[in-house]
Amino acid sequence: MSDNWITIILKEPNYVPEEIRRENARNRLMEIALKFDEVKIFFSDQISFFDCGSNFDRIGCPNCNSDLPGNWWQETMSSDFENDTFKLEKYLTPCCNYSFSLNELIYDWPQGFGKFAIRAVNPDIGLLEKKHILELENILGTELLVIYGHF
């Protein structure tokens, strides 16, 4: 059986909200979803990659929008990962030689990096409404990235 996940991460990968904000956001997501298998908070001192599973389509260059080769991305991911964390250093893209971190690339479907996430497993709500995203941003005190995963 496959699962659908909604993972909420922060646009600023190094930021971790205070515990009360984390709990309030988790509780609000549980109210929004109503039906779910699990809603879990992840936070760490290490930066992790949060992917979209089989929803993954392409990775694009933020400068020229060219598709980036999968092997370049995998090698860059390996180079950037050290001591159980991503460094998010800048790398030259193979298409136009502009310098970007892995977090700045265009992921279709969205994916990203962070020390904090809230994940709802099988929430049965489809896409989060804009008003709910804004509400969660207000609770957490920062801009969010919503990742829709299928595993």
Protein backbone atom coordinates (compact mmCIF):
# COMPACT_ATOMS: atom_id res chain seq x y z
CA MET A 1 0.00 0.00 0.00
CA SER A 2 1.28 3.47 -0.81
CA ASP A 3 1.12 6.55 1.39
CA ASN A 4 0.60 10.24 0.72
CA TRP A 5 2.42 12.73 2.91
CA ILE A 6 2.19 16.44 3.42
CA THR A 7 5.49 17.69 4.80
CA ILE A 8 5.78 21.29 5.91
CA ILE A 9 9.28 22.73 6.13
CA LEU A 10 10.59 26.24 6.60
CA LYS A 11 12.06 28.24 3.71
CA GLU A 12 14.99 29.06 6.01
CA PRO A 13 16.65 25.63 6.45
CA ASN A 14 18.57 26.51 9.64
CA TYR A 15 15.61 27.88 11.59
CA VAL A 16 13.83 25.78 14.22
CA PRO A 17 10.79 27.39 15.87
CA GLU A 18 10.30 27.34 19.63
CA GLU A 19 8.57 24.26 21.08
CA ILE A 20 5.24 26.03 21.68
CA ARG A 21 5.12 27.15 18.02
CA ARG A 22 5.97 23.62 16.84
CA GLU A 23 3.22 22.09 18.95
CA ASN A 24 0.67 24.73 17.97
CA ALA A 25 1.41 24.16 14.28
CA ARG A 26 1.13 20.38 14.68
CA ASN A 27 -2.19 20.74 16.50
CA ARG A 28 -3.54 23.12 13.83
CA LEU A 29 -2.50 20.74 11.03
CA MET A 30 -4.34 17.95 12.85
CA GLU A 31 -7.46 20.15 12.93
CA ILE A 32 -7.12 20.96 9.22
CA ALA A 33 -6.57 17.36 8.15
CA LEU A 34 -9.14 15.74 10.47
CA LYS A 35 -8.32 12.31 9.01
CA PHE A 36 -4.70 11.12 9.07
CA ASP A 37 -2.59 8.15 10.10
CA GLU A 38 0.00 10.27 11.92
CA VAL A 39 1.13 13.87 12.30
CA LYS A 40 4.72 14.04 13.47
CA ILE A 41 7.24 16.80 14.21
CA PHE A 42 10.86 16.40 13.12
CA PHE A 43 13.64 18.67 14.33
CA SER A 44 17.37 18.27 14.57
CA ASP A 45 20.67 20.10 14.74
CA GLN A 46 21.38 18.59 11.31
CA ILE A 47 19.95 19.73 7.98
CA SER A 48 17.99 16.96 6.27
CA PHE A 49 16.51 16.60 2.79
CA PHE A 50 12.73 16.26 2.57
CA ASP A 51 11.65 14.76 -0.73
CA CYS A 52 8.38 14.22 -2.57
CA GLY A 53 8.89 10.51 -3.31
CA SER A 54 7.43 9.34 -6.59
CA ASN A 55 5.96 12.81 -7.26
CA PHE A 56 9.49 13.85 -8.28
CA ASP A 57 9.53 15.12 -11.86
CA ARG A 58 12.54 17.36 -12.52
CA ILE A 59 15.18 19.69 -11.10
CA GLY A 60 15.65 23.03 -12.82
CA CYS A 61 18.27 25.76 -12.81
CA PRO A 62 17.01 28.96 -11.11
CA ASN A 63 18.95 31.08 -13.61
CA CYS A 64 18.09 29.59 -17.03
CA ASN A 65 15.39 27.05 -16.05
CA SER A 66 17.23 24.24 -17.87
CA ASP A 67 16.74 20.73 -16.60
CA LEU A 68 19.68 19.70 -14.45
CA PRO A 69 21.06 16.19 -15.05
CA GLY A 70 20.17 13.65 -12.38
CA ASN A 71 23.74 12.40 -12.10
CA TRP A 72 25.02 15.99 -11.50
CA TRP A 73 22.40 16.47 -8.78
CA GLN A 74 23.21 13.13 -7.10
CA GLU A 75 26.95 13.87 -7.12
CA THR A 76 26.32 17.36 -5.75
CA MET A 77 24.07 15.95 -3.02
CA SER A 78 26.85 13.52 -2.05
CA SER A 79 29.48 16.27 -2.05
CA ASP A 80 27.32 18.56 0.06
CA PHE A 81 26.47 15.93 2.70
CA GLU A 82 29.06 15.74 5.47
CA ASN A 83 28.90 14.69 9.15
CA ASP A 84 25.20 13.74 8.87
CA THR A 85 24.14 17.17 7.59
CA PHE A 86 23.87 19.12 4.37
CA LYS A 87 26.19 22.13 4.18
CA LEU A 88 24.14 23.86 1.44
CA GLU A 89 27.23 25.34 -0.15
CA LYS A 90 27.08 27.02 -3.56
CA TYR A 91 27.79 24.96 -6.69
CA LEU A 92 28.11 25.93 -10.34
CA THR A 93 25.28 24.57 -12.46
CA PRO A 94 26.38 22.61 -15.54
CA CYS A 95 23.98 24.49 -17.83
CA CYS A 96 24.98 28.13 -17.34
CA ASN A 97 27.70 28.15 -14.64
CA TYR A 98 25.67 30.10 -12.10
CA SER A 99 26.28 29.41 -8.42
CA PHE A 100 23.40 28.05 -6.30
CA SER A 101 22.90 25.90 -3.23
CA LEU A 102 20.90 22.69 -3.52
CA ASN A 103 18.11 24.44 -1.61
CA GLU A 104 17.86 27.16 -4.27
CA LEU A 105 17.27 24.78 -7.19
CA ILE A 106 13.80 24.47 -8.72
CA TYR A 107 12.26 21.16 -7.66
CA ASP A 108 9.17 19.93 -9.46
CA TRP A 109 7.35 18.81 -7.30
CA PRO A 110 8.65 20.87 -4.34
CA GLN A 111 11.37 19.38 -2.16
CA GLY A 112 13.71 21.06 0.29
CA PHE A 113 16.12 21.12 3.19
CA GLY A 114 15.71 21.90 6.83
CA LYS A 115 16.23 21.16 10.49
CA PHE A 116 12.48 21.20 11.13
CA ALA A 117 9.41 19.62 9.55
CA ILE A 118 5.86 18.60 10.34
CA ARG A 119 4.61 15.57 8.42
CA ALA A 120 1.03 14.37 8.07
CA VAL A 121 0.76 10.81 6.76
CA ASN A 122 -2.32 10.05 4.65
CA PRO A 123 -4.11 13.29 5.58
CA ASP A 124 -6.85 12.78 2.95
CA ILE A 125 -7.14 16.51 2.19
CA GLY A 126 -5.38 16.93 -1.15
CA LEU A 127 -3.51 20.23 -1.36
CA LEU A 128 -3.46 22.60 1.59
CA GLU A 129 -5.51 25.72 0.99
CA LYS A 130 -3.60 29.01 0.82
CA LYS A 131 -5.41 30.26 3.94
CA HIS A 132 -4.18 27.24 5.89
CA ILE A 133 -0.61 27.75 4.71
CA LEU A 134 -0.79 31.40 5.80
CA GLU A 135 -2.21 30.32 9.16
CA LEU A 136 0.63 27.86 9.70
CA GLU A 137 3.18 30.49 8.65
CA ASN A 138 1.70 32.82 11.25
CA ILE A 139 1.88 30.14 13.94
CA LEU A 140 5.49 29.23 13.08
CA GLY A 141 6.55 32.83 12.50
CA THR A 142 8.19 32.23 9.10
CA GLU A 143 7.56 31.33 5.46
CA LEU A 144 6.88 27.69 4.64
CA LEU A 145 7.41 25.25 1.83
CA VAL A 146 4.79 22.50 1.46
CA ILE A 147 5.97 19.18 0.05
CA TYR A 148 3.41 16.70 -1.25
CA GLY A 149 4.93 13.23 -1.19
CA HIS A 150 3.76 9.91 -2.55
CA PHE A 151 5.60 6.84 -1.27
